[in-house]
Protein backbone atom coordinates (compact mmCIF):
# COMPACT_ATOMS: atom_id res chain seq x y z
CA MET A 1 83.27 9.83 93.33
CA SER A 2 81.10 7.97 95.60
CA MET A 3 80.30 8.91 98.97
CA ALA A 4 80.42 5.28 100.37
CA ALA A 5 84.69 6.07 99.72
CA PHE A 6 85.08 8.66 102.26
CA ALA A 7 85.18 8.67 106.12
CA ILE A 8 83.95 11.56 107.71
CA SER A 9 84.80 12.64 111.28
CA ASN A 10 82.56 13.18 114.22
CA ARG A 11 83.11 16.73 114.05
CA VAL A 12 80.78 17.45 111.25
CA GLU A 13 80.25 21.31 110.24
CA GLY A 14 78.74 20.76 106.90
CA THR A 15 79.05 18.03 104.55
CA ILE A 16 81.35 17.08 101.54
CA THR A 17 80.37 15.61 98.64
CA GLY A 18 83.08 14.24 95.48
CA ILE A 19 82.69 16.06 92.20
CA ASN A 20 84.28 15.75 88.85
CA PRO A 21 85.70 18.70 86.18
CA ASN A 22 83.01 19.62 84.83
CA GLU A 23 80.83 20.61 88.19
CA PHE A 24 83.39 23.62 88.72
CA ALA A 25 81.57 26.72 87.98
CA PRO A 26 82.89 29.27 85.16
CA ASN A 27 84.50 31.84 88.09
CA SER A 28 86.87 28.62 89.33
CA ILE A 29 90.44 29.50 89.65
CA LEU A 30 93.06 26.93 88.27
CA ILE A 31 96.29 27.34 89.11
CA THR A 32 99.16 24.89 87.11
CA PHE A 33 102.22 26.42 88.92
CA ALA A 34 103.74 27.50 85.75
CA GLY A 35 106.70 29.61 86.27
CA LEU A 36 108.23 28.40 89.36
CA GLN A 37 111.47 27.11 88.91
CA PRO A 38 112.88 23.42 89.80
CA PHE A 39 114.32 22.98 93.43
CA ALA A 40 112.63 26.20 95.01
CA GLU A 41 109.95 25.86 98.26
CA PRO A 42 107.81 28.39 97.37
CA THR A 43 105.57 30.04 100.17
CA ASN A 44 103.02 31.73 98.50
CA PHE A 45 101.97 31.55 94.49
CA ALA A 46 99.41 33.09 92.31
CA GLY A 47 97.99 34.48 95.95
CA VAL A 48 97.27 30.96 97.79
CA GLY A 49 99.65 29.76 100.15
CA PHE A 50 101.18 26.35 100.56
CA ILE A 51 103.48 25.95 104.20
CA LEU A 52 104.53 22.39 104.69
CA GLN A 53 104.07 21.46 109.01
CA ASN A 54 107.91 22.05 108.67
CA GLY A 55 107.21 25.51 107.77
CA ASN A 56 109.08 25.79 104.35
CA GLY A 57 107.35 26.11 100.86
CA PRO A 58 106.79 22.52 99.09
CA ASP A 59 109.57 21.66 96.73
CA VAL A 60 109.02 22.41 92.97
CA ALA A 61 110.11 19.97 90.10
CA TRP A 62 109.40 19.12 86.25
CA ASP A 63 107.46 16.27 85.93
CA PRO A 64 106.27 16.14 82.30
CA GLY A 65 106.11 13.08 81.71
CA PRO A 66 103.12 11.67 84.11
CA VAL A 67 99.74 12.02 82.37
CA ARG A 68 97.70 14.40 84.50
CA GLU A 69 93.91 13.53 84.52
CA PHE A 70 92.44 16.88 84.37
CA GLY A 71 94.91 19.77 83.67
CA PRO A 72 96.92 20.48 81.44
CA SER A 73 100.60 18.75 81.58
CA GLU A 74 103.12 21.59 81.25
CA ARG A 75 105.51 19.46 83.28
CA THR A 76 105.47 21.62 86.88
CA ILE A 77 104.50 20.23 90.09
CA ILE A 78 105.04 20.40 93.75
CA GLN A 79 106.00 17.73 96.26
CA ASN A 80 107.08 17.13 99.43
CA ILE A 81 110.23 15.01 99.38
CA ALA A 82 113.08 17.32 100.04
CA SER A 83 111.08 17.94 103.54
CA GLY A 84 110.77 14.28 104.83
CA PHE A 85 107.77 13.73 103.02
CA SER A 86 105.94 16.90 105.03
CA ASP A 87 102.11 17.08 104.74
CA LEU A 88 100.76 20.18 102.93
CA ASN A 89 98.59 23.63 104.29
CA ILE A 90 97.00 24.96 101.79
CA TYR A 91 95.58 28.56 103.06
CA PHE A 92 93.48 29.99 100.37
CA PRO A 93 92.92 33.93 99.24
CA GLY A 94 89.30 34.03 100.89
CA LYS A 95 86.47 30.95 101.35
CA ILE A 96 85.93 28.62 98.90
CA SER A 97 83.29 25.81 98.52
CA ASP A 98 84.50 23.74 96.22
CA PHE A 99 88.27 22.77 95.43
CA GLY A 100 90.29 20.22 93.31
CA PHE A 101 93.87 18.86 91.76
CA ASP A 102 95.60 16.27 90.37
CA MET A 103 97.76 14.14 92.60
CA ARG A 104 99.80 11.07 92.83
CA THR A 105 101.16 9.38 95.86
CA TRP A 106 102.48 5.93 96.73
CA PRO A 107 99.66 3.10 96.09
CA SER A 108 97.98 1.95 99.34
CA GLU A 109 97.80 4.74 101.01
CA ASN A 110 95.03 7.36 102.53
CA ILE A 111 94.74 10.64 102.22
CA ASN A 112 93.76 13.02 105.43
CA LEU A 113 91.97 16.03 104.22
CA SER A 114 91.36 18.17 107.63
CA PHE A 115 89.12 21.66 106.51
CA TYR A 116 89.53 24.58 108.48
CA SER A 117 88.06 28.06 108.79
CA SER A 118 89.14 31.11 110.22
CA GLY A 119 90.90 28.84 112.05
CA SER A 120 89.07 26.49 113.35
CA LEU A 121 88.51 22.90 112.24
CA LEU A 122 85.14 21.65 110.51
CA GLN A 123 86.19 18.07 109.48
CA THR A 124 87.73 15.98 108.28
CA LEU A 125 87.79 13.35 105.14
CA THR A 126 89.64 10.50 104.65
CA ILE A 127 89.76 8.92 101.32
CA PRO A 128 91.96 6.11 99.71
CA THR A 129 94.29 7.03 97.20
CA ARG A 130 93.08 6.22 93.47
CA THR A 131 97.00 5.37 92.72
CA THR A 132 97.48 1.89 92.04
CA THR A 133 101.00 1.70 91.38
CA SER A 134 104.09 2.96 92.68
CA ASP A 135 105.69 3.60 88.30
CA PRO A 136 107.54 7.08 87.76
CA LEU A 137 104.96 7.71 85.14
CA SER A 138 101.93 6.72 86.61
CA PRO A 139 99.58 9.83 85.89
CA LEU A 140 98.18 12.09 88.34
CA LEU A 141 94.47 11.66 89.27
CA PHE A 142 91.89 13.93 89.90
CA TYR A 143 90.40 14.59 93.49
CA GLY A 144 86.94 17.27 93.01
CA PHE A 145 85.04 18.08 95.96
CA GLN A 146 82.50 20.27 97.10
CA SER A 147 81.56 21.73 100.58
CA SER A 148 78.28 23.48 101.86
CA THR A 149 80.22 25.28 104.42
CA ALA A 150 82.88 27.68 103.17
CA PHE A 151 86.58 27.21 104.61
CA ASP A 152 89.77 28.71 103.80
CA HIS A 153 92.97 26.66 104.64
CA LEU A 154 92.89 22.78 103.80
CA LEU A 155 95.40 20.43 105.36
CA VAL A 156 96.39 17.32 103.09
CA ALA A 157 98.37 14.40 105.03
CA VAL A 158 98.66 11.14 103.07
CA ARG A 159 99.26 7.94 105.28
CA GLY A 160 99.93 4.15 104.85
CA PRO A 161 102.54 1.84 104.97
CA ASN A 162 104.82 3.52 102.78
CA GLU A 163 106.11 6.98 102.87
CA ASN A 164 103.79 9.86 102.77
CA PHE A 165 104.65 11.35 99.58
CA LEU A 166 102.19 13.70 97.43
CA GLU A 167 102.92 15.49 94.12
CA LEU A 168 100.32 17.39 92.99
CA ASP A 169 99.70 19.78 89.86
CA ASN A 170 96.49 21.58 88.71
CA LEU A 171 94.96 22.97 91.48
CA ILE A 172 91.22 24.07 90.91
CA PHE A 173 89.17 26.02 93.53
CA THR A 174 85.37 27.93 93.61
CA PRO A 175 85.21 31.64 95.87
CA ALA A 176 82.32 30.54 97.68
CA PRO A 177 79.63 33.46 97.63
CA GLU A 178 79.29 36.46 100.05
CA SER A 179 77.08 36.00 102.42
CA GLY A 180 75.64 39.19 101.44
CA VAL A 181 75.33 38.09 97.58
CA ILE A 182 73.33 34.88 99.31
CA ALA A 183 70.80 36.91 101.68
CA LEU A 184 70.07 38.63 98.61
CA ALA A 185 69.61 35.81 96.27
CA THR A 186 67.32 34.48 99.24
CA LEU A 187 65.55 37.73 99.48
CA GLY A 188 65.49 38.16 96.01
CA CYS A 189 63.26 34.44 95.73
CA ALA A 190 61.12 35.15 98.21
CA GLY A 191 60.11 38.42 96.88
CA LEU A 192 59.44 36.70 93.49
CA ALA A 193 57.40 33.84 95.20
CA LEU A 194 55.12 36.62 97.25
CA ARG A 195 54.37 38.14 93.81
CA ARG A 196 53.47 35.03 91.97
CA ARG A 197 51.23 34.37 95.11
CA LEU A 198 49.66 37.61 95.15
CA PHE A 199 49.49 37.26 91.07
CA VAL A 200 47.36 34.60 91.47
CA GLY A 201 45.25 35.70 94.42
CA ARG A 202 44.06 38.41 92.63
CA ALA A 203 43.65 36.07 89.09
CA GLY A 204 41.54 34.23 91.26
CA GLN A 205 38.90 37.10 92.74
């Protein structure tokens, strides 16, 4: 996914880049929404919060027909129809660096993503939808991103000439490394570099 398609706000703390499904780390977590019942409006599932701007959870539906570009087409999806097309907040169980999902909107819409960390807005990102038809059997297409700054809350808002409809499946995300792990890794690399310099110095004596 080309960065040329991204419109990033002036409030930037970090960098957002597009990534493909095969770029997610082995420890990434996949949520398919399997097990949720139609017409339910869950505000939490598999440890992740899903809360619409009106305070309710997204409505669950079975939609087995459309192909999912990334994950399994097991039929369960979440959407924002019952709420009158309210925006969707996704609250992750901890700080994450990478995320993605299969999603469908109406054509000619923009997808606005707002990234938050501990309640503070980091930045917003606007991308055009990849959906090109209003056919109810049109596929759910994959959107994946990587952030250089860890975040724990994502607001998904669809805007355009049509209703702000979104349908989402197969959420995947990667926990961000703990700050202590990063510090140890950095210290380890510095130690290896120092040992190498000392070894080279002694070899040259």
